[in-house]
């Protein structure tokens, strides 16, 4: 079912645990337990879509998607459960179910659980990828209850959100449930995914029955994995975007919008709606260049000191699969501090030792990592081009020249080619120049009218870091079905095949300023995406890496779609030194 995600987004180990010994930190120890991600190890090699609840016994319990837990295993656990007393030392505690509910198809997946305490019992919501209620894949949300997080879990006997027919046939993706108790004590269930969008509906006081009409809160073809938390008078909708499971090119990331009510409208930091075709969303966590990619599908936990923590899964880019290449993606559970600067949530995926959550009232809170923000330095005029002559300036070279690209009236104008750079075809033109040595930022001002709401897959234009036709990172304004997004795509060779995936940023405008910030770390090339809707206020997103020994060139692209429909206007190409 999720194979459609690749088209939609197109683009879309053990943990080192240190003192104390496994178990809770001693009450007399003022220091929280420290940790190194992934915290799900050694209990599980993969633990996707985590949800965490605190039990009446004071321990925390994590519930995950039904996958095998360890390398070498092939049979899925039916909603596996991990247990901890300090949020960093986890142990396997069993599975929620011994069999699928009677209304689920025999081979249905049980995905993306969400567990909360409602009244005097625990309620577990989960995705069923295929039911017995209709022919074809018809996902739904189930619900079960138990007296304790370890069960016994009793299914309600029917979906709490039944399969929903799609207007053009088939069924909308009814995935990824998450519960919210609002400030008035009312319950809301969020659910949905790329095919259909994200919705919320009111629930009965026991959390088992939908009691009113559903409201769409995020556009289709952009988000899944909704999780909503109240904070300082706002409701924050966390949503995951891009492909969850593209192995070494997984760009899955978390974004946020906020609203004054549980039903929205949700908008990002810049006021752009999550329902807009040029979809809004403020980054919360994205790949940052270290070992972790695919940082998505989160929950939020608050420790005893009041510090929020983001619990999520990620992929080690060096070990992206659980067993064979292009099989089950290996997505262990991570935890990192969630901060709220200026009222917006942000976290950094850590791969070094961190101070853990405060889980005993005698402990003191530590500090988390902070991602540096790139700043342009002096202009490198020899590496730049203002496009103010009658043609391209010195230093440019073409891969597959496109005669339609011209320099006129102070800009490079380049109609989108009916061609592409992904896969084996490699038919699109690429305009390149040698990158300067050291650290730098490449910037362009791009105007392209891709319209809104209509389907124009996958017209795009933007910046590229290029080591070859099958080894590049592309930051472009792109049409993805009815949406318009900034995609930071990556293609590379892996295990005798080409892997392509992308992270998304956003939101674009008809005129969008784009940046690629290049740094080197231990010889590795890191390119971080930046964008602006006004050329003044900049946002920074995720990072893709190239291995040592390569010399990626930088440049521009304009392609995609079946026929040329738009012309990209590049006002300049500027390079700034930063090192």
Protein backbone atom coordinates (compact mmCIF):
# COMPACT_ATOMS: atom_id res chain seq x y z
CA UNK A 1 0.00 0.00 0.00
CA UNK A 2 2.73 2.48 0.86
CA UNK A 3 4.36 1.93 -2.52
CA UNK A 4 2.23 4.86 -3.72
CA UNK A 5 4.24 7.04 -1.37
CA UNK A 6 7.25 6.85 -3.68
CA UNK A 7 5.15 8.35 -6.44
CA UNK A 8 3.42 10.85 -4.21
CA UNK A 9 6.59 12.21 -2.78
CA UNK A 10 8.47 11.26 -6.04
CA UNK A 11 10.87 12.92 -5.29
CA UNK A 12 8.50 12.00 -2.11
CA UNK A 13 24.21 -0.42 16.79
CA UNK A 14 23.46 -0.97 19.74
CA UNK A 15 23.09 2.08 21.94
CA UNK A 16 26.03 3.02 24.14
CA UNK A 17 24.45 3.21 27.57
CA UNK A 18 26.46 4.59 30.44
CA UNK A 19 25.94 5.00 34.19
CA UNK A 20 23.81 4.01 35.87
CA UNK A 21 23.52 0.29 35.21
CA UNK A 22 20.38 -0.82 33.34
CA UNK A 23 17.29 0.23 35.25
CA UNK A 24 16.25 3.47 36.87
CA UNK A 25 18.71 6.05 38.10
CA UNK A 26 19.14 5.83 41.87
CA UNK A 27 17.07 8.38 43.80
CA UNK A 28 20.21 9.66 45.51
CA UNK A 29 21.96 10.33 42.16
CA UNK A 30 21.32 13.96 41.07
CA UNK A 31 22.25 13.19 37.47
CA UNK A 32 19.82 11.78 34.91
CA UNK A 33 20.99 8.67 33.08
CA UNK A 34 22.98 9.55 29.99
CA UNK A 35 22.46 7.87 26.67
CA UNK A 36 23.53 7.56 23.06
CA UNK A 37 20.84 6.99 20.43
CA UNK A 38 19.17 4.72 19.51
CA UNK A 39 17.58 4.14 22.90
CA UNK A 40 15.60 1.13 21.64
CA UNK A 41 18.83 -0.87 21.45
CA UNK A 42 19.66 -3.45 22.67
CA UNK A 43 15.98 -4.34 23.12
CA UNK A 44 15.13 -3.89 19.43
CA UNK A 45 17.03 -3.23 16.20
CA UNK A 46 13.98 -1.54 14.70
CA UNK A 47 11.06 0.10 16.48
CA UNK A 48 9.12 2.35 14.12
CA UNK A 49 6.34 4.88 14.80
CA UNK A 50 6.81 4.94 18.59
CA UNK A 51 4.13 6.01 21.05
CA UNK A 52 4.96 6.37 24.75
CA UNK A 53 2.67 6.34 27.78
CA UNK A 54 3.44 6.39 31.50
CA UNK A 55 1.90 3.61 33.53
CA UNK A 56 0.41 3.75 37.01
CA UNK A 57 3.52 1.88 38.18
CA UNK A 58 5.70 4.92 37.28
CA UNK A 59 7.37 3.19 34.33
CA UNK A 60 7.08 4.30 30.70
CA UNK A 61 5.90 2.00 27.92
CA UNK A 62 6.65 2.41 24.20
CA UNK A 63 4.46 0.81 21.53
CA UNK A 64 5.67 0.39 17.95
CA UNK A 65 4.60 -0.65 14.46
CA UNK A 66 4.32 -4.38 13.79
CA UNK A 67 7.72 -5.29 12.36
CA UNK A 68 10.29 -7.90 13.27
CA UNK A 69 12.35 -6.45 16.12
CA UNK A 70 15.78 -7.86 15.35
CA UNK A 71 18.01 -8.45 12.35
CA UNK A 72 17.49 -12.00 11.11
CA UNK A 73 13.86 -12.11 12.20
CA UNK A 74 11.15 -12.10 9.52
CA UNK A 75 7.90 -12.49 11.47
CA UNK A 76 6.36 -9.22 12.71
CA UNK A 77 5.52 -8.63 16.34
CA UNK A 78 1.90 -7.50 16.63
CA UNK A 79 2.43 -4.07 18.21
CA UNK A 80 5.59 -4.69 20.27
CA UNK A 81 6.02 -3.06 23.68
CA UNK A 82 9.18 -1.79 25.38
CA UNK A 83 9.42 -0.76 29.05
CA UNK A 84 11.71 1.64 30.93
CA UNK A 85 11.96 3.46 34.24
CA UNK A 86 14.27 6.25 33.00
CA UNK A 87 13.32 6.73 29.30
CA UNK A 88 16.78 5.61 28.10
CA UNK A 89 17.22 1.97 29.24
CA UNK A 90 14.49 -0.01 27.50
CA UNK A 91 13.65 -3.72 27.59
CA UNK A 92 11.27 -5.82 25.53
CA UNK A 93 8.04 -6.43 27.47
CA UNK A 94 5.88 -8.39 25.02
CA UNK A 95 3.35 -7.68 22.29
CA UNK A 96 -0.04 -6.02 22.64
CA UNK A 97 -1.78 -8.67 20.52
CA UNK A 98 -1.40 -12.41 19.96
CA UNK A 99 -3.52 -12.20 16.80
CA UNK A 100 -5.17 -9.68 14.51
CA UNK A 101 -8.70 -8.51 15.29
CA UNK A 102 -11.45 -10.54 13.62
CA UNK A 103 -12.31 -7.69 11.24
CA UNK A 104 -8.72 -7.37 9.95
CA UNK A 105 -7.55 -9.23 6.84
CA UNK A 106 -5.29 -12.21 7.64
CA UNK A 107 -2.11 -10.50 6.40
CA UNK A 108 -2.98 -6.94 7.47
CA UNK A 109 -0.30 -4.81 9.06
CA UNK A 110 -0.92 -3.26 12.47
CA UNK A 111 0.85 0.06 12.23
CA UNK A 112 1.53 3.28 14.10
CA UNK A 113 -0.08 2.71 17.52
CA UNK A 114 -1.05 5.53 19.85
CA UNK A 115 -1.57 4.69 23.54
CA UNK A 116 -3.11 6.97 26.19
CA UNK A 117 -4.73 6.68 29.58
CA UNK A 118 -8.44 7.52 29.46
CA UNK A 119 -10.20 7.32 32.80
CA UNK A 120 -9.15 4.23 34.72
CA UNK A 121 -7.89 2.26 31.71
CA UNK A 122 -5.51 2.49 28.78
CA UNK A 123 -6.69 2.96 25.21
CA UNK A 124 -4.70 1.77 22.19
CA UNK A 125 -5.45 3.11 18.70
CA UNK A 126 -3.76 1.42 15.74
CA UNK A 127 -3.84 1.25 11.95
CA UNK A 128 -5.18 -1.86 10.20
CA UNK A 129 -3.87 -1.77 6.63
CA UNK A 130 -6.58 -4.03 5.18
CA UNK A 131 -9.93 -5.14 6.57
CA UNK A 132 -12.51 -7.82 5.73
CA UNK A 133 -15.17 -5.15 5.27
CA UNK A 134 -14.49 -4.33 1.60
CA UNK A 135 -12.62 -5.76 -1.38
CA UNK A 136 -9.18 -4.25 -1.91
CA UNK A 137 -6.91 -2.44 0.51
CA UNK A 138 -9.20 -0.47 2.81
CA UNK A 139 -7.29 0.74 5.86
CA UNK A 140 -9.02 1.68 9.10
CA UNK A 141 -8.27 2.65 12.70
CA UNK A 142 -8.89 0.09 15.43
CA UNK A 143 -9.13 0.62 19.17
CA UNK A 144 -8.46 -1.66 22.13
CA UNK A 145 -8.52 -1.21 25.90
CA UNK A 146 -6.59 -2.67 28.83
CA UNK A 147 -6.25 -2.18 32.60
CA UNK A 148 -2.46 -1.76 32.31
CA UNK A 149 -0.07 -0.91 29.46
CA UNK A 150 0.95 -4.58 29.35
CA UNK A 151 -2.64 -5.67 28.89
CA UNK A 152 -4.49 -7.80 28.47
CA UNK A 153 -5.63 -5.78 25.46
CA UNK A 154 -9.21 -6.28 24.26
CA UNK A 155 -10.18 -5.07 20.80
CA UNK A 156 -13.49 -3.21 20.53
CA UNK A 157 -14.64 -5.54 17.78
CA UNK A 158 -14.98 -2.86 15.10
CA UNK A 159 -13.06 0.11 13.67
CA UNK A 160 -13.30 3.39 15.50
CA UNK A 161 -12.67 5.02 12.09
CA UNK A 162 -13.95 2.76 9.33
CA UNK A 163 -12.53 2.57 5.79
CA UNK A 164 -13.31 5.70 3.78
CA UNK A 165 -14.05 5.47 0.07
CA UNK A 166 -11.95 7.76 -2.16
CA UNK A 167 -13.81 9.94 -4.69
CA UNK A 168 -12.03 8.38 -7.68
CA UNK A 169 -12.16 4.81 -6.42
CA UNK A 170 -10.30 2.82 -3.82
CA UNK A 171 -9.97 3.93 -0.23
CA UNK A 172 -8.31 6.86 1.48
CA UNK A 173 -5.33 6.03 3.69
CA UNK A 174 -6.78 5.86 7.19
CA UNK A 175 -3.43 5.64 8.97
CA UNK A 176 -1.56 6.93 11.99
CA UNK A 177 -4.10 7.66 14.74
CA UNK A 178 -3.30 10.03 17.60
CA UNK A 179 -5.45 11.19 20.52
CA UNK A 180 -5.72 14.72 21.91
CA UNK A 181 -7.43 15.79 25.13
CA UNK A 182 -8.14 19.48 24.67
CA UNK A 183 -8.14 22.16 27.35
CA UNK A 184 -11.85 21.56 28.01
CA UNK A 185 -11.28 17.83 28.51
CA UNK A 186 -12.82 16.77 25.18
CA UNK A 187 -11.19 13.98 23.15
CA UNK A 188 -10.19 14.24 19.50
CA UNK A 189 -8.73 11.61 17.20
CA UNK A 190 -6.36 12.60 14.39
CA UNK A 191 -5.72 10.24 11.47
CA UNK A 192 -4.88 10.14 7.77
CA UNK A 193 -1.93 10.20 5.41
CA UNK A 194 -0.77 11.30 1.97
CA UNK A 195 -3.69 9.78 0.08
CA UNK A 196 -6.52 11.85 1.51
CA UNK A 197 -4.84 14.18 3.99
CA UNK A 198 -5.07 14.42 7.78
CA UNK A 199 -8.41 14.71 9.60
CA UNK A 200 -9.66 15.02 13.15
CA UNK A 201 -12.95 13.91 14.66
CA UNK A 202 -14.48 14.27 18.16
CA UNK A 203 -14.71 11.19 20.36
CA UNK A 204 -16.94 10.03 23.17
CA UNK A 205 -15.65 10.46 26.72
CA UNK A 206 -14.39 6.86 26.80
CA UNK A 207 -12.45 7.40 23.55
CA UNK A 208 -14.11 4.50 21.74
CA UNK A 209 -16.64 6.16 19.42
CA UNK A 210 -16.55 9.03 16.93
CA UNK A 211 -19.33 11.44 17.85
CA UNK A 212 -19.24 14.08 15.12
CA UNK A 213 -18.14 15.04 11.65
CA UNK A 214 -14.47 14.91 10.71
CA UNK A 215 -12.54 18.07 9.81
CA UNK A 216 -9.57 18.08 7.44
CA UNK A 217 -6.57 19.79 9.04
CA UNK A 218 -3.71 19.12 6.57
CA UNK A 219 -3.63 18.82 2.80
CA UNK A 220 -3.26 15.48 1.06
CA UNK A 221 0.07 14.46 -0.50
CA UNK A 222 2.10 16.22 2.17
CA UNK A 223 1.72 14.86 5.71
CA UNK A 224 1.07 11.76 7.80
CA UNK A 225 1.86 10.71 11.39
CA UNK A 226 -0.13 13.50 13.07
CA UNK A 227 0.51 14.17 16.75
CA UNK A 228 -1.06 17.17 18.50
CA UNK A 229 -0.02 18.76 21.80
CA UNK A 230 -1.28 21.88 23.61
CA UNK A 231 1.40 24.46 24.50
CA UNK A 232 1.00 28.03 25.77
CA UNK A 233 -2.55 28.45 24.52
CA UNK A 234 -1.93 26.85 21.12
CA UNK A 235 -2.50 23.39 19.67
CA UNK A 236 0.56 22.23 17.73
CA UNK A 237 0.07 19.71 14.95
CA UNK A 238 3.23 17.68 14.33
CA UNK A 239 3.22 15.93 10.95
CA UNK A 240 5.78 13.77 9.18
CA UNK A 241 6.55 14.39 5.51
CA UNK A 242 8.29 12.61 2.61
CA UNK A 243 9.01 8.91 2.24
CA UNK A 244 9.41 7.01 5.50
CA UNK A 245 11.20 4.09 3.96
CA UNK A 246 13.66 4.80 1.15
CA UNK A 247 16.66 3.13 2.79
CA UNK A 248 19.82 5.25 2.44
CA UNK A 249 17.94 8.18 0.88
CA UNK A 250 15.11 8.42 3.42
CA UNK A 251 14.34 12.08 4.04
CA UNK A 252 11.38 11.63 6.40
CA UNK A 253 11.11 14.70 8.65
CA UNK A 254 8.75 16.32 11.15
CA UNK A 255 7.06 19.71 10.65
CA UNK A 256 4.60 21.70 12.74
CA UNK A 257 1.71 24.10 12.43
CA UNK A 258 -0.38 25.61 15.20
CA UNK A 259 -3.97 26.70 15.80
CA UNK A 260 -6.14 28.03 18.59
CA UNK A 261 -8.59 25.13 18.33
CA UNK A 262 -8.17 21.37 17.79
CA UNK A 263 -9.84 21.62 14.38
CA UNK A 264 -7.55 24.36 13.09
CA UNK A 265 -6.90 26.14 10.88
CA UNK A 266 -3.25 25.15 11.44
CA UNK A 267 -0.56 27.44 10.03
CA UNK A 268 3.22 27.52 10.22
CA UNK A 269 5.58 30.17 11.60
CA UNK A 270 5.09 32.30 8.48
CA UNK A 271 1.32 32.02 8.64
CA UNK A 272 1.03 29.58 5.74
CA UNK A 273 -1.81 27.08 6.13
CA UNK A 274 -1.14 23.34 6.26
CA UNK A 275 -4.12 23.07 3.91
CA UNK A 276 -2.61 25.30 1.22
CA UNK A 277 -1.41 23.91 -2.11
CA UNK A 278 1.95 25.53 -1.39
CA UNK A 279 1.85 23.59 1.82
CA UNK A 280 2.91 25.22 5.07
CA UNK A 281 5.02 23.61 7.75
CA UNK A 282 7.80 24.71 10.11
CA UNK A 283 10.62 22.15 10.48
CA UNK A 284 10.86 20.42 13.86
CA UNK A 285 13.51 17.78 13.13
CA UNK A 286 15.29 16.78 9.92
CA UNK A 287 18.45 14.86 8.98
CA UNK A 288 21.40 17.05 10.01
CA UNK A 289 24.39 15.31 8.43
CA UNK A 290 25.26 12.85 11.18
CA UNK A 291 24.42 9.14 11.04
CA UNK A 292 20.66 9.65 11.32
CA UNK A 293 18.33 10.13 8.36
CA UNK A 294 14.57 9.59 8.13
CA UNK A 295 13.90 11.39 11.43
CA UNK A 296 10.13 11.13 11.70
CA UNK A 297 6.83 9.90 13.14
CA UNK A 298 7.10 11.40 16.59
CA UNK A 299 5.47 11.40 19.98
CA UNK A 300 6.13 13.88 22.81
CA UNK A 301 7.01 12.95 26.40
CA UNK A 302 7.44 15.36 29.31
CA UNK A 303 9.90 14.40 32.06
CA UNK A 304 9.52 15.11 35.77
CA UNK A 305 11.38 18.42 35.43
CA UNK A 306 8.84 19.64 32.86
CA UNK A 307 11.25 19.22 29.93
CA UNK A 308 9.67 17.98 26.70
CA UNK A 309 11.32 15.20 24.71
CA UNK A 310 10.75 14.16 21.12
CA UNK A 311 10.46 10.39 20.70
CA UNK A 312 10.76 9.31 17.07
CA UNK A 313 12.32 6.78 14.74
CA UNK A 314 15.25 7.27 12.38
CA UNK A 315 17.51 5.29 10.03
CA UNK A 316 21.26 4.83 10.34
CA UNK A 317 22.42 5.77 6.85
CA UNK A 318 25.16 3.14 7.02
CA UNK A 319 22.72 0.37 8.07
CA UNK A 320 19.42 1.30 6.45
CA UNK A 321 17.83 -2.15 6.22
CA UNK A 322 16.97 -4.73 8.85
CA UNK A 323 17.88 -7.73 6.73
CA UNK A 324 18.36 -7.68 2.96
CA UNK A 325 18.83 -4.50 0.94
CA UNK A 326 15.55 -2.94 -0.18
CA UNK A 327 13.65 -5.02 2.36
CA UNK A 328 12.35 -3.85 5.74
CA UNK A 329 13.79 -0.47 6.67
CA UNK A 330 15.65 -0.52 9.98
CA UNK A 331 14.05 2.27 12.04
CA UNK A 332 15.11 2.24 15.70
CA UNK A 333 13.64 4.56 18.33
CA UNK A 334 15.47 7.76 19.32
CA UNK A 335 14.84 10.44 21.91
CA UNK A 336 16.05 14.05 22.01
CA UNK A 337 15.19 17.25 23.84
CA UNK A 338 12.31 19.27 22.39
CA UNK A 339 12.76 23.01 22.81
CA UNK A 340 10.28 25.83 22.11
CA UNK A 341 12.25 28.96 21.08
CA UNK A 342 9.91 31.76 20.02
CA UNK A 343 6.95 29.44 20.47
CA UNK A 344 7.93 26.85 17.87
CA UNK A 345 9.10 23.28 18.61
CA UNK A 346 12.55 22.17 17.49
CA UNK A 347 14.82 19.19 18.15
CA UNK A 348 18.18 17.94 16.88
CA UNK A 349 18.85 14.27 16.19
CA UNK A 350 21.88 13.39 18.33
CA UNK A 351 24.44 10.65 17.73
CA UNK A 352 26.73 11.39 20.69
CA UNK A 353 26.30 11.09 24.45
CA UNK A 354 23.48 13.19 25.91
CA UNK A 355 22.10 13.93 29.36
CA UNK A 356 18.86 12.02 29.66
CA UNK A 357 15.40 12.98 30.88
CA UNK A 358 14.75 13.71 34.52
CA UNK A 359 12.82 10.70 35.81
CA UNK A 360 13.49 11.13 39.52
CA UNK A 361 12.65 14.34 41.37
CA UNK A 362 16.11 14.46 42.93
CA UNK A 363 17.70 14.88 39.50
CA UNK A 364 18.66 18.03 37.62
CA UNK A 365 17.99 18.62 33.97
CA UNK A 366 20.85 18.67 31.46
CA UNK A 367 21.21 20.41 28.12
CA UNK A 368 20.69 19.23 24.56
CA UNK A 369 22.47 19.88 21.27
CA UNK A 370 21.79 22.91 19.12
CA UNK A 371 22.21 23.03 15.35
CA UNK A 372 24.32 25.97 14.12
CA UNK A 373 22.73 28.27 11.54
CA UNK A 374 24.75 28.96 8.36
CA UNK A 375 25.59 32.59 7.64
CA UNK A 376 26.90 33.89 4.30
CA UNK A 377 30.29 35.56 4.39
CA UNK A 378 32.11 37.49 1.70
CA UNK A 379 30.87 37.10 -1.89
CA UNK A 380 32.96 34.89 -4.17
CA UNK A 381 32.45 36.84 -7.39
CA UNK A 382 34.56 34.47 -9.48
CA UNK A 383 32.18 31.64 -8.62
CA UNK A 384 29.03 33.74 -9.14
CA UNK A 385 26.99 34.99 -12.09
CA UNK A 386 24.49 37.86 -12.05
CA UNK A 387 23.16 36.89 -15.53
CA UNK A 388 23.46 40.53 -16.60
CA UNK A 389 25.26 39.95 -19.89
CA UNK A 390 24.14 38.53 -23.19
CA UNK A 391 24.91 34.97 -22.16
CA UNK A 392 26.26 32.79 -19.41
CA UNK A 393 29.32 34.06 -17.62
CA UNK A 394 32.63 32.25 -17.43
CA UNK A 395 32.87 28.99 -15.53
CA UNK A 396 29.65 27.27 -16.58
CA UNK A 397 29.49 23.89 -18.32
CA UNK A 398 26.60 21.72 -19.44
CA UNK A 399 25.62 18.13 -19.03
CA UNK A 400 23.21 17.64 -21.98
CA UNK A 401 22.97 21.29 -23.14
CA UNK A 402 19.49 22.78 -23.48
CA UNK A 403 19.33 25.42 -26.21
CA UNK A 404 16.05 26.72 -24.77
CA UNK A 405 17.90 28.19 -21.79
CA UNK A 406 18.75 31.84 -22.55
CA UNK A 407 20.11 34.84 -20.67
CA UNK A 408 17.92 37.90 -21.34
CA UNK A 409 16.92 40.99 -19.39
CA UNK A 410 19.19 40.22 -16.45
CA UNK A 411 18.07 36.64 -15.82
CA UNK A 412 18.58 33.06 -16.95
CA UNK A 413 15.27 31.87 -18.40
CA UNK A 414 14.96 28.12 -18.71
CA UNK A 415 11.73 26.34 -19.72
CA UNK A 416 11.22 23.13 -17.81
CA UNK A 417 12.39 20.23 -19.95
CA UNK A 418 10.17 17.19 -20.43
CA UNK A 419 12.97 15.14 -18.90
CA UNK A 420 14.31 13.99 -15.56
CA UNK A 421 17.52 13.27 -13.68
CA UNK A 422 16.34 10.37 -11.51
CA UNK A 423 16.62 6.68 -12.36
CA UNK A 424 18.43 5.30 -15.39
CA UNK A 425 17.11 7.69 -18.05
CA UNK A 426 19.21 10.74 -17.14
CA UNK A 427 17.70 12.87 -19.88
CA UNK A 428 17.59 16.29 -18.22
CA UNK A 429 20.09 19.04 -18.78
CA UNK A 430 22.26 20.18 -15.87
CA UNK A 431 24.04 23.55 -15.79
CA UNK A 432 27.13 23.32 -13.59
CA UNK A 433 30.20 25.05 -12.33
CA UNK A 434 33.13 23.88 -10.24
CA UNK A 435 32.49 24.45 -6.55
CA UNK A 436 34.98 26.55 -4.60
CA UNK A 437 37.18 24.82 -2.07
CA UNK A 438 36.19 24.95 1.59
CA UNK A 439 32.87 25.98 3.05
CA UNK A 440 30.45 28.14 1.10
CA UNK A 441 26.79 28.94 0.42
CA UNK A 442 25.33 28.83 -3.10
CA UNK A 443 22.21 30.96 -3.60
CA UNK A 444 19.72 31.71 -6.34
CA UNK A 445 16.49 33.66 -6.71
CA UNK A 446 13.97 31.46 -8.53
CA UNK A 447 10.65 32.49 -10.01
CA UNK A 448 8.50 29.73 -11.50
CA UNK A 449 4.76 29.66 -12.01
CA UNK A 450 3.65 26.11 -11.31
CA UNK A 451 0.14 27.22 -10.46
CA UNK A 452 -1.63 25.69 -7.46
CA UNK A 453 -3.98 22.79 -6.78
CA UNK A 454 -3.69 21.19 -10.23
CA UNK A 455 -1.65 18.07 -11.04
CA UNK A 456 1.57 18.87 -12.94
CA UNK A 457 3.88 16.07 -11.82
CA UNK A 458 6.84 16.67 -11.45
CA UNK A 459 7.77 20.02 -12.95
CA UNK A 460 10.54 21.68 -10.97
CA UNK A 461 13.54 23.96 -10.95
CA UNK A 462 16.25 24.83 -8.48
CA UNK A 463 19.78 24.20 -7.21
CA UNK A 464 21.79 21.01 -7.53
CA UNK A 465 24.93 19.52 -5.97
CA UNK A 466 26.15 17.09 -8.60
CA UNK A 467 28.75 14.33 -8.41
CA UNK A 468 27.20 12.48 -11.35
CA UNK A 469 23.91 11.60 -13.00
CA UNK A 470 23.35 8.94 -10.35
CA UNK A 471 24.84 10.82 -7.40
CA UNK A 472 23.28 14.22 -6.74
CA UNK A 473 21.20 16.30 -4.32
CA UNK A 474 18.55 18.59 -5.80
CA UNK A 475 16.75 21.45 -4.00
CA UNK A 476 13.81 22.45 -6.15
CA UNK A 477 10.38 24.02 -6.20
CA UNK A 478 8.33 21.08 -7.46
CA UNK A 479 4.73 20.18 -8.29
CA UNK A 480 3.72 17.00 -6.40
CA UNK A 481 0.16 16.11 -7.35
CA UNK A 482 -2.04 18.98 -6.10
CA UNK A 483 0.70 20.42 -3.86
CA UNK A 484 3.70 22.65 -4.48
CA UNK A 485 6.66 21.86 -2.26
CA UNK A 486 10.35 22.46 -1.83
CA UNK A 487 11.95 19.06 -2.23
CA UNK A 488 15.55 18.31 -1.28
CA UNK A 489 16.00 15.05 -3.16
CA UNK A 490 18.97 12.69 -3.12
CA UNK A 491 19.96 9.94 -5.54
CA UNK A 492 22.90 7.62 -4.96
CA UNK A 493 24.01 4.10 -5.87
CA UNK A 494 23.38 1.47 -3.19
CA UNK A 495 23.59 -2.34 -3.32
CA UNK A 496 23.77 -2.53 -7.13
CA UNK A 497 20.73 -0.28 -7.56
CA UNK A 498 19.89 3.39 -7.51
CA UNK A 499 18.19 4.73 -4.39
CA UNK A 500 16.21 7.96 -4.62
CA UNK A 501 14.41 9.72 -1.81
CA UNK A 502 13.81 13.21 -0.60
CA UNK A 503 13.16 15.40 2.33
CA UNK A 504 10.82 18.32 1.86
CA UNK A 505 11.11 21.85 3.16
CA UNK A 506 8.69 24.61 2.66
CA UNK A 507 6.64 26.38 1.86
CA UNK A 508 7.62 27.83 -1.53
CA UNK A 509 6.24 30.96 -3.15
CA UNK A 510 6.03 31.89 -6.82
CA UNK A 511 9.38 33.59 -6.18
CA UNK A 512 11.55 31.66 -3.73
CA UNK A 513 15.15 32.23 -2.73
CA UNK A 514 17.12 28.98 -2.38
CA UNK A 515 20.46 28.16 -0.72
CA UNK A 516 22.75 25.17 -0.40
CA UNK A 517 25.21 25.52 2.47
CA UNK A 518 28.30 23.34 2.01
CA UNK A 519 30.57 22.23 4.84
CA UNK A 520 33.14 19.47 5.16
CA UNK A 521 33.33 17.17 8.19
CA UNK A 522 36.11 14.56 8.22
CA UNK A 523 36.35 14.94 4.46
CA UNK A 524 32.62 14.33 3.95
CA UNK A 525 30.61 16.92 2.02
CA UNK A 526 27.47 18.14 3.74
CA UNK A 527 24.86 20.21 1.91
CA UNK A 528 22.11 21.87 3.96
CA UNK A 529 18.96 23.31 2.40
CA UNK A 530 17.93 26.91 2.98
CA UNK A 531 15.02 28.94 1.64
CA UNK A 532 13.28 32.29 1.91
CA UNK A 533 9.99 33.68 0.66
CA UNK A 534 11.18 37.30 0.71
CA UNK A 535 14.97 37.15 0.32
CA UNK A 536 15.44 38.55 3.83
CA UNK A 537 14.17 36.02 6.36
CA UNK A 538 15.84 32.64 5.91
CA UNK A 539 14.90 29.17 7.07
CA UNK A 540 17.25 26.19 7.28
CA UNK A 541 16.26 22.59 6.86
CA UNK A 542 17.79 19.18 6.30
CA UNK A 543 21.21 17.99 5.20
CA UNK A 544 22.37 15.44 2.63
CA UNK A 545 25.94 14.11 2.56
CA UNK A 546 28.46 13.00 -0.06
CA UNK A 547 31.37 10.75 0.90
CA UNK A 548 35.01 11.86 0.99
CA UNK A 549 36.90 11.66 -2.27
CA UNK A 550 34.16 13.21 -4.39
CA UNK A 551 34.15 16.76 -5.73
CA UNK A 552 30.48 17.68 -6.25
CA UNK A 553 29.86 20.53 -8.65
CA UNK A 554 27.06 23.02 -8.06
CA UNK A 555 24.53 24.46 -10.43
CA UNK A 556 20.97 24.70 -11.67
CA UNK A 557 18.22 22.44 -13.08
CA UNK A 558 14.83 22.99 -14.75
CA UNK A 559 12.91 19.90 -15.79
CA UNK A 560 10.17 17.37 -15.03
CA UNK A 561 6.64 16.76 -16.25
CA UNK A 562 5.46 15.35 -19.55
CA UNK A 563 5.45 18.60 -21.51
CA UNK A 564 7.07 21.97 -20.79
CA UNK A 565 4.52 24.18 -19.05
CA UNK A 566 6.58 26.64 -17.02
CA UNK A 567 9.71 28.72 -17.43
CA UNK A 568 12.12 29.04 -14.54
CA UNK A 569 13.66 32.48 -14.11
CA UNK A 570 16.95 32.54 -12.20
CA UNK A 571 17.87 36.14 -11.35
CA UNK A 572 21.40 35.23 -10.25
CA UNK A 573 23.69 32.50 -8.98
CA UNK A 574 25.78 33.71 -6.04
CA UNK A 575 28.40 32.01 -3.92
CA UNK A 576 29.42 33.24 -0.47
CA UNK A 577 32.42 32.00 1.49
CA UNK A 578 31.63 30.83 5.01
CA UNK A 579 34.90 29.25 6.18
